[in-house]
């Protein structure tokens, strides 16, 4: 494997790849001819439909042909198809829906080739490493295949072996794609203000990360560390002694695909619980850790007989910055508040719109698309509807999907699709919004507390209904306990940081020259079941013991304010 010069490349390097193939034109000509013949036949079919006025009639047929064509062209093009399935800015809707079905599945390569790769990479014989190993792979994908084995120490393991000569195949295709992108971009009606070669480069970077199995092992351990406090999520351990760049040995997971309804019923597992584990862990990846699994398709998520969910295959991961995580929460807050100008600003920060965009031209479009997607209530929201409608907006407005968000969208849409396959009536927001509401109400960081205040106050007025909605939604999660949240809230109110909120709450109680007793009564009736006298006393004592002497001194000031109704000023 190491004889090929490009096998020394550990990271994607467009310059090095171009230099290599520039002096090997015969390779590029032959591969170009194969690709052009394949796509030429496909494009001829599209033109024939136009001439015969059968475009609408043959739309689904041509979409299927495109998926099959990409599969025939091999690993790089299968990965391209998967990547394009998240790009409504590049692919029309009917093709998009077919590419989402693209299976990352190829016939296995011979075991007679696979075992020598293992022996060369690990520098010992198969019998020295394993006491037993399956004679044939138990699963095969575009980049490698998996064997089931047992170590001499007794542990059952999965052994991933990469396809031979994969890097030369991928680099040749990436070189041709980048070359084609350079001259074809000006002719494409993308209206993205975005260099097509950058998209190819981003794709190349991710592909190189995915074929480095040591990188995948590090990703798995980082992911496991993030979820070490979650008993519902299982991540296989990595056996580093038996792993290398092209071979990865990891703990065998006794489980079954989440789509295997027969097994789920056989083990008496609750589908709604599995959905909740999957969606909540997905949200934690995006909004808490910023490190997320970008390819959570059915083959990478397993249900275990004990009810846990196992993640496998950590080749395609990505990291969000703290600023991006905060902007994501902001955009969710603005979406719920239907604050579309602020949401347009969030899209600029996230890279969906360029800084030069006149957001006031975009706001009506956002209002139309998102208003329709959300409907009268947040509960009717789903990601598939939004991505479908955004794909239509891409050609009218200067939206583009940043490469990082293509992965996030892929992650969210595939998780939602998986959940819908388990429960056709599933609404992602029924799990997602209680999680977000719970995080906002517990307010474990200054940023989250600021966003909660932003939700509760609009144009300087306290939004009683929003507080009621947040508490009601959070309480729909059986694991949510309002009392610790109230304790944290009291501590925050009496702290220096809570000075603004203290003042605003007092004003809210006497807003519009009247005491808002009805709102307070409704709020109390909502939370009363959770507030038993003994628990209430313990929570109050717990909150007060967490305060400094100076903060306790503020208590009479906060509890007994009055207000001059003529001026609106608080009298202390």
Protein backbone atom coordinates (compact mmCIF):
# COMPACT_ATOMS: atom_id res chain seq x y z
CA UNK A 1 0.00 0.00 0.00
CA UNK A 2 2.80 2.41 0.82
CA UNK A 3 4.47 2.24 -2.63
CA UNK A 4 2.10 4.81 -4.15
CA UNK A 5 3.45 8.36 -3.59
CA UNK A 6 0.02 9.70 -2.57
CA UNK A 7 -0.29 7.15 0.24
CA UNK A 8 2.08 9.37 2.22
CA UNK A 9 -0.51 12.18 2.26
CA UNK A 10 -2.13 12.44 5.70
CA UNK A 11 -4.15 15.59 5.05
CA UNK A 12 -5.92 16.90 1.96
CA UNK A 13 -3.49 18.99 -0.09
CA UNK A 14 -4.90 20.20 -3.41
CA UNK A 15 -1.49 21.46 -4.57
CA UNK A 16 0.33 18.17 -3.93
CA UNK A 17 -2.46 16.18 -5.60
CA UNK A 18 -2.42 18.46 -8.67
CA UNK A 19 1.38 18.22 -8.95
CA UNK A 20 1.21 14.41 -8.87
CA UNK A 21 -1.44 14.04 -11.60
CA UNK A 22 -0.04 16.80 -13.81
CA UNK A 23 2.77 14.41 -14.73
CA UNK A 24 0.45 11.41 -15.19
CA UNK A 25 -2.00 12.62 -17.86
CA UNK A 26 -2.89 9.10 -19.05
CA UNK A 27 -4.59 8.41 -15.68
CA UNK A 28 -6.63 11.60 -15.78
CA UNK A 29 -7.66 11.09 -19.42
CA UNK A 30 -8.95 7.53 -18.85
CA UNK A 31 -10.90 8.40 -15.68
CA UNK A 32 -12.25 11.60 -17.30
CA UNK A 33 -13.51 9.55 -20.26
CA UNK A 34 -15.35 7.11 -17.96
CA UNK A 35 -16.95 9.92 -15.94
CA UNK A 36 -17.91 11.97 -19.02
CA UNK A 37 -19.50 8.96 -20.74
CA UNK A 38 -21.54 8.20 -17.62
CA UNK A 39 -22.74 11.77 -17.12
CA UNK A 40 -23.05 12.37 -20.88
CA UNK A 41 -25.58 9.55 -21.16
CA UNK A 42 -27.48 10.95 -18.17
CA UNK A 43 -27.56 14.52 -19.56
CA UNK A 44 -28.64 13.17 -22.98
CA UNK A 45 -31.56 11.48 -21.21
CA UNK A 46 -32.56 14.81 -19.61
CA UNK A 47 -32.39 16.56 -23.00
CA UNK A 48 -34.43 13.78 -24.60
CA UNK A 49 -37.14 14.36 -21.97
CA UNK A 50 -37.18 18.07 -22.94
CA UNK A 51 -37.48 17.29 -26.65
CA UNK A 52 -40.27 14.77 -26.01
CA UNK A 53 -42.00 17.09 -23.47
CA UNK A 54 -41.75 14.36 -20.84
CA UNK A 55 -39.71 16.20 -18.16
CA UNK A 56 -42.44 15.96 -15.50
CA UNK A 57 -43.34 12.35 -16.37
CA UNK A 58 -39.70 11.16 -16.12
CA UNK A 59 -38.55 13.27 -13.15
CA UNK A 60 -38.49 10.41 -10.63
CA UNK A 61 -36.97 8.00 -13.18
CA UNK A 62 -34.06 10.40 -13.88
CA UNK A 63 -33.48 10.97 -10.15
CA UNK A 64 -33.15 7.18 -9.64
CA UNK A 65 -30.75 7.02 -12.61
CA UNK A 66 -28.56 9.72 -11.02
CA UNK A 67 -28.33 7.77 -7.76
CA UNK A 68 -27.42 4.56 -9.61
CA UNK A 69 -24.86 6.38 -11.75
CA UNK A 70 -23.06 7.79 -8.69
CA UNK A 71 -23.03 4.32 -7.10
CA UNK A 72 -21.43 2.78 -10.22
CA UNK A 73 -18.70 5.44 -10.33
CA UNK A 74 -17.39 4.31 -6.96
CA UNK A 75 -16.50 5.56 -3.45
CA UNK A 76 -15.80 9.22 -4.21
CA UNK A 77 -19.03 9.69 -6.14
CA UNK A 78 -21.09 7.85 -3.51
CA UNK A 79 -19.69 10.32 -0.97
CA UNK A 80 -20.44 13.20 -3.36
CA UNK A 81 -24.04 12.00 -3.62
CA UNK A 82 -24.34 11.86 0.15
CA UNK A 83 -22.88 15.36 0.48
CA UNK A 84 -25.16 16.75 -2.26
CA UNK A 85 -28.19 15.27 -0.52
CA UNK A 86 -27.76 18.07 2.07
CA UNK A 87 -27.27 20.88 -0.47
CA UNK A 88 -30.60 22.40 -1.54
CA UNK A 89 -28.55 25.33 -2.86
CA UNK A 90 -26.90 23.04 -5.45
CA UNK A 91 -29.43 20.31 -6.30
CA UNK A 92 -33.05 20.59 -7.36
CA UNK A 93 -35.70 19.16 -5.05
CA UNK A 94 -36.63 15.94 -6.93
CA UNK A 95 -32.96 14.88 -7.23
CA UNK A 96 -32.38 15.85 -3.60
CA UNK A 97 -35.08 13.47 -2.34
CA UNK A 98 -33.60 10.56 -4.28
CA UNK A 99 -30.00 11.27 -3.22
CA UNK A 100 -31.07 11.19 0.44
CA UNK A 101 -31.81 7.49 -0.17
CA UNK A 102 -28.29 6.88 -1.49
CA UNK A 103 -26.88 3.90 0.37
CA UNK A 104 -23.25 3.94 1.32
CA UNK A 105 -23.01 0.30 0.28
CA UNK A 106 -20.71 -1.53 -2.13
CA UNK A 107 -19.78 -5.19 -2.67
CA UNK A 108 -16.97 -6.27 -0.31
CA UNK A 109 -13.42 -6.71 -1.55
CA UNK A 110 -11.86 -10.19 -1.13
CA UNK A 111 -10.76 -11.33 2.33
CA UNK A 112 -7.56 -12.55 0.63
CA UNK A 113 -6.72 -8.85 0.17
CA UNK A 114 -8.09 -7.65 3.50
CA UNK A 115 -6.12 -9.93 5.86
CA UNK A 116 -2.69 -9.03 4.39
CA UNK A 117 -3.59 -5.33 4.91
CA UNK A 118 -4.28 -6.08 8.61
CA UNK A 119 -1.00 -8.02 8.96
CA UNK A 120 1.07 -5.35 7.21
CA UNK A 121 -0.49 -2.48 9.16
CA UNK A 122 -0.21 -4.18 12.57
CA UNK A 123 3.07 -5.93 11.83
CA UNK A 124 1.96 -9.38 13.05
CA UNK A 125 -0.03 -12.32 11.71
CA UNK A 126 -3.82 -12.66 11.96
CA UNK A 127 -3.44 -15.68 14.30
CA UNK A 128 -1.16 -13.65 16.61
CA UNK A 129 -3.72 -10.84 16.89
CA UNK A 130 -7.05 -12.73 17.01
CA UNK A 131 -8.08 -16.09 18.49
CA UNK A 132 -10.88 -16.12 15.90
CA UNK A 133 -12.14 -13.87 13.07
CA UNK A 134 -15.07 -14.15 10.64
CA UNK A 135 -13.93 -15.55 7.26
CA UNK A 136 -16.05 -12.98 5.41
CA UNK A 137 -16.89 -9.34 6.27
CA UNK A 138 -20.16 -8.82 8.13
CA UNK A 139 -20.64 -5.35 6.58
CA UNK A 140 -19.17 -3.48 3.60
CA UNK A 141 -19.31 0.22 2.75
CA UNK A 142 -17.73 2.55 0.22
CA UNK A 143 -14.50 3.12 2.18
CA UNK A 144 -13.97 -0.17 4.01
CA UNK A 145 -15.47 -3.31 5.50
CA UNK A 146 -15.93 -4.85 8.96
CA UNK A 147 -15.01 -8.28 10.38
CA UNK A 148 -16.14 -9.76 13.70
CA UNK A 149 -13.25 -11.15 15.76
CA UNK A 150 -12.11 -12.18 19.24
CA UNK A 151 -8.84 -11.16 20.88
CA UNK A 152 -6.69 -13.72 22.70
CA UNK A 153 -7.66 -11.92 25.93
CA UNK A 154 -11.30 -12.87 25.23
CA UNK A 155 -12.85 -9.52 24.18
CA UNK A 156 -15.12 -9.50 21.14
CA UNK A 157 -14.14 -6.80 18.65
CA UNK A 158 -15.10 -5.27 15.32
CA UNK A 159 -12.19 -4.89 12.88
CA UNK A 160 -12.53 -2.20 10.21
CA UNK A 161 -10.26 -2.67 7.20
CA UNK A 162 -9.90 0.06 4.59
CA UNK A 163 -10.21 -0.74 0.89
CA UNK A 164 -6.84 -1.20 -0.84
CA UNK A 165 -5.50 1.67 -2.95
CA UNK A 166 -8.33 3.90 -1.79
CA UNK A 167 -6.28 7.08 -1.57
CA UNK A 168 -5.12 7.02 -5.24
CA UNK A 169 -8.76 6.50 -6.33
CA UNK A 170 -10.08 9.33 -4.17
CA UNK A 171 -7.30 11.79 -5.03
CA UNK A 172 -7.71 11.23 -8.78
CA UNK A 173 -11.45 11.94 -8.54
CA UNK A 174 -10.89 14.98 -6.30
CA UNK A 175 -8.30 16.35 -8.75
CA UNK A 176 -10.73 15.99 -11.68
CA UNK A 177 -13.60 17.52 -9.66
CA UNK A 178 -11.50 20.51 -8.65
CA UNK A 179 -10.33 21.03 -12.22
CA UNK A 180 -13.93 20.80 -13.52
CA UNK A 181 -15.17 23.16 -10.77
CA UNK A 182 -12.70 25.81 -11.91
CA UNK A 183 -14.08 26.12 -15.43
CA UNK A 184 -17.72 25.08 -14.93
CA UNK A 185 -18.53 27.42 -11.99
CA UNK A 186 -19.12 30.57 -14.13
CA UNK A 187 -21.74 28.70 -16.19
CA UNK A 188 -23.78 27.48 -13.23
CA UNK A 189 -26.74 29.63 -12.04
CA UNK A 190 -25.76 29.27 -8.38
CA UNK A 191 -26.01 32.93 -7.37
CA UNK A 192 -24.06 32.02 -4.25
CA UNK A 193 -21.08 34.37 -4.36
CA UNK A 194 -19.23 31.22 -3.43
CA UNK A 195 -16.27 29.60 -5.20
CA UNK A 196 -17.18 26.06 -6.27
CA UNK A 197 -13.56 24.94 -5.79
CA UNK A 198 -13.89 25.77 -2.07
CA UNK A 199 -16.79 23.32 -1.85
CA UNK A 200 -14.62 20.61 -3.46
CA UNK A 201 -11.77 21.45 -1.06
CA UNK A 202 -14.05 21.23 1.99
CA UNK A 203 -15.31 17.88 0.72
CA UNK A 204 -11.72 16.71 0.24
CA UNK A 205 -10.72 17.74 3.78
CA UNK A 206 -13.62 15.77 5.29
CA UNK A 207 -12.93 12.75 3.08
CA UNK A 208 -9.28 12.62 4.18
CA UNK A 209 -10.35 12.83 7.83
CA UNK A 210 -12.78 9.95 7.27
CA UNK A 211 -10.15 7.60 5.81
CA UNK A 212 -7.72 8.21 8.70
CA UNK A 213 -8.80 5.52 11.16
CA UNK A 214 -6.53 6.89 13.92
CA UNK A 215 -8.45 10.17 13.64
CA UNK A 216 -11.69 8.20 13.88
CA UNK A 217 -10.45 6.52 17.06
CA UNK A 218 -9.62 9.89 18.64
CA UNK A 219 -13.07 11.17 17.65
CA UNK A 220 -14.72 8.17 19.33
CA UNK A 221 -12.85 8.77 22.60
CA UNK A 222 -13.69 12.49 22.60
CA UNK A 223 -17.35 11.65 21.94
CA UNK A 224 -17.34 9.07 24.76
CA UNK A 225 -15.84 11.63 27.19
CA UNK A 226 -18.65 14.08 26.36
CA UNK A 227 -21.32 11.47 27.14
CA UNK A 228 -19.65 9.84 30.14
CA UNK A 229 -22.46 11.18 32.40
CA UNK A 230 -25.22 9.78 30.14
CA UNK A 231 -26.13 6.15 30.95
CA UNK A 232 -28.31 5.93 27.82
CA UNK A 233 -25.50 6.47 25.27
CA UNK A 234 -22.91 3.79 24.49
CA UNK A 235 -19.66 4.40 22.58
CA UNK A 236 -17.39 1.44 21.71
CA UNK A 237 -13.90 1.40 23.27
CA UNK A 238 -10.90 1.62 20.91
CA UNK A 239 -8.14 -1.02 21.04
CA UNK A 240 -5.20 1.18 20.08
CA UNK A 241 -2.70 -1.70 20.16
CA UNK A 242 -4.54 -3.24 17.22
CA UNK A 243 -5.29 -0.06 15.26
CA UNK A 244 -3.52 1.99 12.59
CA UNK A 245 -4.31 4.47 9.83
CA UNK A 246 -6.00 1.77 7.72
CA UNK A 247 -7.18 -0.72 10.39
CA UNK A 248 -9.38 0.10 13.39
CA UNK A 249 -10.19 -2.41 16.13
CA UNK A 250 -12.99 -1.44 18.47
CA UNK A 251 -15.33 -3.01 21.00
CA UNK A 252 -18.05 -5.21 19.47
CA UNK A 253 -21.52 -3.74 20.00
CA UNK A 254 -24.25 -6.32 20.62
CA UNK A 255 -27.11 -4.42 19.11
CA UNK A 256 -29.30 -3.98 16.06
CA UNK A 257 -30.22 -1.18 13.69
CA UNK A 258 -32.79 1.30 14.93
CA UNK A 259 -34.89 0.48 11.87
CA UNK A 260 -35.15 -3.20 12.87
CA UNK A 261 -38.68 -3.05 14.31
CA UNK A 262 -38.85 -6.84 14.76
CA UNK A 263 -35.84 -6.81 17.11
CA UNK A 264 -37.09 -3.72 18.95
CA UNK A 265 -40.39 -5.50 19.66
CA UNK A 266 -38.62 -8.77 20.47
CA UNK A 267 -36.62 -7.10 23.26
CA UNK A 268 -39.62 -5.07 24.44
CA UNK A 269 -37.98 -1.69 23.80
CA UNK A 270 -40.06 1.50 23.72
CA UNK A 271 -39.65 3.34 20.41
CA UNK A 272 -40.51 6.75 21.90
CA UNK A 273 -37.79 6.31 24.55
CA UNK A 274 -35.26 5.44 21.81
CA UNK A 275 -36.33 8.55 19.87
CA UNK A 276 -35.94 10.72 22.97
CA UNK A 277 -32.42 9.36 23.62
CA UNK A 278 -31.43 9.96 19.98
CA UNK A 279 -32.82 13.49 19.65
CA UNK A 280 -31.63 14.67 23.08
CA UNK A 281 -28.12 13.31 22.49
CA UNK A 282 -28.12 15.02 19.06
CA UNK A 283 -29.07 18.35 20.64
CA UNK A 284 -26.42 17.98 23.34
CA UNK A 285 -23.82 17.43 20.61
CA UNK A 286 -24.80 20.66 18.84
CA UNK A 287 -25.71 23.00 21.69
CA UNK A 288 -23.58 21.80 24.63
CA UNK A 289 -20.44 20.16 23.28
CA UNK A 290 -20.28 21.61 19.76
CA UNK A 291 -18.74 18.27 18.67
CA UNK A 292 -21.25 16.36 16.62
CA UNK A 293 -21.73 13.13 14.68
CA UNK A 294 -22.35 14.31 11.12
CA UNK A 295 -23.53 10.98 9.69
CA UNK A 296 -26.18 9.48 12.03
CA UNK A 297 -27.82 7.24 9.41
CA UNK A 298 -29.47 3.90 10.43
CA UNK A 299 -26.24 1.96 9.89
CA UNK A 300 -24.40 4.10 12.46
CA UNK A 301 -26.96 4.05 15.28
CA UNK A 302 -27.76 0.84 17.13
CA UNK A 303 -30.33 -0.03 19.77
CA UNK A 304 -29.02 -2.36 22.49
CA UNK A 305 -31.13 -5.00 24.28
CA UNK A 306 -30.77 -3.09 27.57
CA UNK A 307 -32.39 0.04 26.03
CA UNK A 308 -29.21 2.05 25.43
CA UNK A 309 -28.36 3.63 22.09
CA UNK A 310 -24.91 2.99 20.62
CA UNK A 311 -23.13 5.31 18.20
CA UNK A 312 -20.59 3.74 15.86
CA UNK A 313 -18.45 5.06 12.98
CA UNK A 314 -16.88 8.35 14.03
CA UNK A 315 -15.17 9.15 10.71
CA UNK A 316 -17.42 12.10 9.87
CA UNK A 317 -17.45 14.50 12.83
CA UNK A 318 -17.30 18.27 13.08
CA UNK A 319 -16.69 20.93 15.72
CA UNK A 320 -18.66 24.13 16.33
CA UNK A 321 -17.08 27.19 17.94
CA UNK A 322 -18.52 28.63 21.16
CA UNK A 323 -19.75 31.65 19.19
CA UNK A 324 -21.53 29.42 16.69
CA UNK A 325 -23.21 27.39 19.47
CA UNK A 326 -24.45 30.63 21.05
CA UNK A 327 -25.71 31.93 17.70
CA UNK A 328 -27.58 28.66 17.16
CA UNK A 329 -29.37 29.13 20.50
CA UNK A 330 -30.01 32.78 19.53
CA UNK A 331 -31.56 31.73 16.23
CA UNK A 332 -33.80 29.23 18.02
CA UNK A 333 -34.91 31.95 20.46
CA UNK A 334 -35.60 34.35 17.57
CA UNK A 335 -37.44 31.61 15.65
CA UNK A 336 -39.72 30.90 18.63
CA UNK A 337 -40.26 34.65 19.18
CA UNK A 338 -40.89 35.10 15.43
CA UNK A 339 -38.30 37.91 15.46
CA UNK A 340 -37.44 37.59 11.77
CA UNK A 341 -35.08 40.62 11.41
CA UNK A 342 -32.95 39.26 14.28
CA UNK A 343 -33.14 35.80 12.71
CA UNK A 344 -31.84 37.22 9.42
CA UNK A 345 -28.90 38.73 11.35
CA UNK A 346 -28.26 35.28 12.86
CA UNK A 347 -28.15 33.83 9.34
CA UNK A 348 -25.48 36.39 8.43
CA UNK A 349 -23.41 35.40 11.50
CA UNK A 350 -23.80 31.70 10.67
CA UNK A 351 -22.75 32.24 7.04
CA UNK A 352 -26.08 31.54 5.28
CA UNK A 353 -26.07 35.15 4.03
CA UNK A 354 -23.13 37.39 3.21
CA UNK A 355 -22.56 40.52 5.38
CA UNK A 356 -23.41 42.67 2.32
CA UNK A 357 -26.94 41.24 2.08
CA UNK A 358 -29.81 43.68 2.59
CA UNK A 359 -31.61 41.71 5.29
CA UNK A 360 -34.84 43.71 4.90
CA UNK A 361 -35.31 42.10 1.49
CA UNK A 362 -34.89 38.66 3.13
CA UNK A 363 -37.21 39.19 6.13
CA UNK A 364 -40.53 38.73 4.22
CA UNK A 365 -39.19 35.49 2.69
CA UNK A 366 -38.16 34.17 6.12
CA UNK A 367 -41.54 35.13 7.53
CA UNK A 368 -43.30 33.30 4.71
CA UNK A 369 -41.20 30.10 4.86
CA UNK A 370 -40.73 29.78 8.62
CA UNK A 371 -44.21 31.05 9.45
CA UNK A 372 -45.63 28.33 7.19
CA UNK A 373 -43.27 25.68 8.62
CA UNK A 374 -44.06 26.51 12.25
CA UNK A 375 -47.75 27.19 11.69
CA UNK A 376 -49.80 28.26 14.67
CA UNK A 377 -47.66 26.37 17.16
CA UNK A 378 -44.03 25.39 17.59
CA UNK A 379 -45.19 21.77 17.90
CA UNK A 380 -45.98 21.52 14.18
CA UNK A 381 -42.39 22.37 13.21
CA UNK A 382 -40.21 19.86 11.35
CA UNK A 383 -36.80 20.16 9.69
CA UNK A 384 -37.76 18.34 6.48
CA UNK A 385 -40.47 20.93 5.73
CA UNK A 386 -38.04 23.80 6.31
CA UNK A 387 -35.25 22.34 4.16
CA UNK A 388 -37.72 21.60 1.34
CA UNK A 389 -39.03 25.17 1.38
CA UNK A 390 -35.56 26.67 1.71
CA UNK A 391 -34.46 24.74 -1.39
CA UNK A 392 -37.02 26.79 -3.34
CA UNK A 393 -35.74 30.06 -1.83
CA UNK A 394 -32.12 29.32 -2.82
CA UNK A 395 -32.75 30.37 -6.42
CA UNK A 396 -34.60 33.59 -5.51
CA UNK A 397 -32.44 34.92 -2.68
CA UNK A 398 -28.67 34.88 -2.04
CA UNK A 399 -28.82 32.06 0.54
CA UNK A 400 -26.06 29.48 0.59
CA UNK A 401 -25.43 26.54 2.88
CA UNK A 402 -21.99 26.76 4.56
CA UNK A 403 -20.12 23.46 4.43
CA UNK A 404 -20.31 23.05 8.22
CA UNK A 405 -24.07 23.56 8.20
CA UNK A 406 -24.53 21.10 5.37
CA UNK A 407 -23.30 18.53 7.91
CA UNK A 408 -25.59 19.88 10.66
CA UNK A 409 -28.61 19.84 8.32
CA UNK A 410 -27.71 16.31 7.24
CA UNK A 411 -27.47 15.27 10.90
CA UNK A 412 -30.83 16.83 11.87
CA UNK A 413 -32.78 15.64 8.81
CA UNK A 414 -31.47 12.06 9.04
CA UNK A 415 -32.20 11.89 12.79
CA UNK A 416 -35.70 13.21 12.19
CA UNK A 417 -36.22 10.71 9.35
CA UNK A 418 -35.02 7.88 11.60
CA UNK A 419 -37.41 8.98 14.36
CA UNK A 420 -40.31 9.14 11.87
CA UNK A 421 -39.55 5.59 10.74
CA UNK A 422 -40.00 4.48 14.38
CA UNK A 423 -43.04 6.69 15.01
CA UNK A 424 -44.81 8.30 11.99
CA UNK A 425 -46.51 10.84 14.31
CA UNK A 426 -43.24 12.01 15.83
CA UNK A 427 -42.61 15.76 16.09
CA UNK A 428 -38.97 16.59 16.72
CA UNK A 429 -39.91 19.72 18.65
CA UNK A 430 -41.85 17.67 21.19
CA UNK A 431 -38.45 16.39 22.36
CA UNK A 432 -36.20 19.25 21.26
CA UNK A 433 -38.10 22.19 22.69
CA UNK A 434 -38.47 20.73 26.24
CA UNK A 435 -34.70 20.18 26.20
CA UNK A 436 -34.02 23.78 25.14
CA UNK A 437 -36.64 25.14 27.56
CA UNK A 438 -35.08 23.13 30.38
CA UNK A 439 -31.60 24.45 29.55
CA UNK A 440 -32.88 28.04 29.40
CA UNK A 441 -34.78 27.73 32.68
CA UNK A 442 -31.85 26.17 34.55
CA UNK A 443 -29.62 28.90 33.08
CA UNK A 444 -26.31 27.26 33.96
CA UNK A 445 -24.30 29.94 32.12
CA UNK A 446 -24.56 33.76 31.79
CA UNK A 447 -25.20 33.36 28.04
CA UNK A 448 -28.20 31.08 28.59
CA UNK A 449 -29.58 33.39 31.30
CA UNK A 450 -29.29 36.33 28.88
CA UNK A 451 -31.22 34.38 26.24
CA UNK A 452 -33.94 33.48 28.76
CA UNK A 453 -34.35 37.18 29.61
CA UNK A 454 -34.50 37.93 25.86
CA UNK A 455 -37.38 35.44 25.50
CA UNK A 456 -39.23 36.74 28.57
CA UNK A 457 -39.03 40.43 27.66
CA UNK A 458 -40.11 41.89 24.33
CA UNK A 459 -40.00 45.65 23.70
CA UNK A 460 -39.39 46.12 27.42
CA UNK A 461 -42.56 44.25 28.41
CA UNK A 462 -42.62 40.99 30.37
CA UNK A 463 -44.16 38.14 28.37
CA UNK A 464 -46.17 36.17 30.94
CA UNK A 465 -47.46 33.71 28.33
CA UNK A 466 -43.93 32.82 27.26
CA UNK A 467 -42.88 31.98 30.82
CA UNK A 468 -46.01 29.82 31.17
CA UNK A 469 -45.28 28.13 27.82
CA UNK A 470 -41.63 27.48 28.73
CA UNK A 471 -42.55 25.93 32.10
CA UNK A 472 -45.37 23.86 30.57
CA UNK A 473 -43.10 22.62 27.78
CA UNK A 474 -40.20 21.86 30.14
CA UNK A 475 -42.56 19.97 32.49
CA UNK A 476 -43.67 17.78 29.57
CA UNK A 477 -40.26 16.15 30.05
CA UNK A 478 -40.75 13.73 32.95
CA UNK A 479 -37.13 14.18 34.06
CA UNK A 480 -37.57 17.93 34.57
CA UNK A 481 -37.91 19.10 38.18
CA UNK A 482 -39.06 22.72 38.58
CA UNK A 483 -37.80 23.03 42.18
CA UNK A 484 -34.01 23.05 41.54
CA UNK A 485 -34.74 25.50 38.72
CA UNK A 486 -36.66 27.77 41.09
CA UNK A 487 -33.77 27.54 43.57
CA UNK A 488 -31.29 28.59 40.89
CA UNK A 489 -33.68 31.37 39.82
CA UNK A 490 -33.91 32.77 43.36
CA UNK A 491 -30.13 32.72 43.74
CA UNK A 492 -29.79 34.52 40.41
CA UNK A 493 -32.42 37.17 41.29
CA UNK A 494 -30.63 38.03 44.53
CA UNK A 495 -27.18 38.17 42.92
CA UNK A 496 -25.50 41.27 41.46
CA UNK A 497 -26.04 39.81 37.97
CA UNK A 498 -29.80 39.62 38.60
CA UNK A 499 -30.22 43.34 39.45
CA UNK A 500 -31.75 44.19 36.06
CA UNK A 501 -34.16 41.25 36.23
CA UNK A 502 -35.28 42.19 39.78
CA UNK A 503 -36.21 45.65 38.59
CA UNK A 504 -37.94 44.36 35.45
CA UNK A 505 -39.96 41.75 37.36
CA UNK A 506 -41.27 44.34 39.81
CA UNK A 507 -42.25 46.55 36.88
CA UNK A 508 -43.91 43.57 35.19
CA UNK A 509 -46.05 42.89 38.26
CA UNK A 510 -47.49 46.43 38.17
CA UNK A 511 -47.33 46.99 34.40
CA UNK A 512 -50.08 49.12 32.77
CA UNK A 513 -51.03 50.55 36.20
CA UNK A 514 -52.51 47.28 37.47
CA UNK A 515 -51.38 44.34 39.58
CA UNK A 516 -50.99 41.26 37.36
CA UNK A 517 -52.59 38.88 39.87
CA UNK A 518 -54.31 36.74 37.21
CA UNK A 519 -51.00 35.97 35.49
CA UNK A 520 -49.33 35.15 38.82
CA UNK A 521 -52.26 32.89 39.79
CA UNK A 522 -52.05 31.02 36.46
CA UNK A 523 -48.32 30.60 36.91
CA UNK A 524 -48.77 29.32 40.48
CA UNK A 525 -51.45 26.82 39.40
CA UNK A 526 -49.02 25.55 36.74
CA UNK A 527 -46.17 24.85 39.16
CA UNK A 528 -48.15 24.18 42.38
CA UNK A 529 -48.12 20.34 42.02
CA UNK A 530 -44.31 20.37 42.27
CA UNK A 531 -44.17 22.64 45.33
CA UNK A 532 -44.86 20.53 48.44
CA UNK A 533 -44.32 22.63 51.64
CA UNK A 534 -41.37 20.58 52.93
CA UNK A 535 -39.59 20.64 49.52
CA UNK A 536 -40.32 24.37 49.16
CA UNK A 537 -38.70 25.15 52.54
CA UNK A 538 -35.63 23.04 51.72
CA UNK A 539 -35.28 24.73 48.30
CA UNK A 540 -35.56 28.22 49.84
CA UNK A 541 -32.96 27.37 52.49
CA UNK A 542 -30.71 25.86 49.82
CA UNK A 543 -30.98 29.01 47.70
CA UNK A 544 -30.25 31.32 50.64
CA UNK A 545 -27.27 29.32 51.90
CA UNK A 546 -25.72 29.75 48.46
CA UNK A 547 -25.82 33.54 48.79
CA UNK A 548 -23.29 35.93 50.25
CA UNK A 549 -24.13 38.17 53.23
CA UNK A 550 -24.47 41.17 50.89
CA UNK A 551 -26.93 39.30 48.65
CA UNK A 552 -29.07 38.19 51.61
CA UNK A 553 -29.21 41.86 52.69
CA UNK A 554 -30.89 42.60 49.33
CA UNK A 555 -33.81 40.29 50.13
CA UNK A 556 -36.07 42.82 51.99
CA UNK A 557 -35.39 45.34 49.23
CA UNK A 558 -36.47 42.87 46.60
CA UNK A 559 -39.46 41.41 48.40
CA UNK A 560 -41.03 44.70 49.51
CA UNK A 561 -40.72 47.27 46.75
CA UNK A 562 -43.33 49.82 45.85
CA UNK A 563 -43.76 51.90 42.73
CA UNK A 564 -44.79 55.42 41.88
CA UNK A 565 -47.47 54.81 39.21
CA UNK A 566 -47.13 58.32 37.78
CA UNK A 567 -43.42 58.02 36.99
CA UNK A 568 -42.96 54.26 36.85
CA UNK A 569 -40.00 54.63 39.24
CA UNK A 570 -39.34 52.03 41.94
CA UNK A 571 -39.27 53.47 45.47
CA UNK A 572 -36.81 51.59 47.70
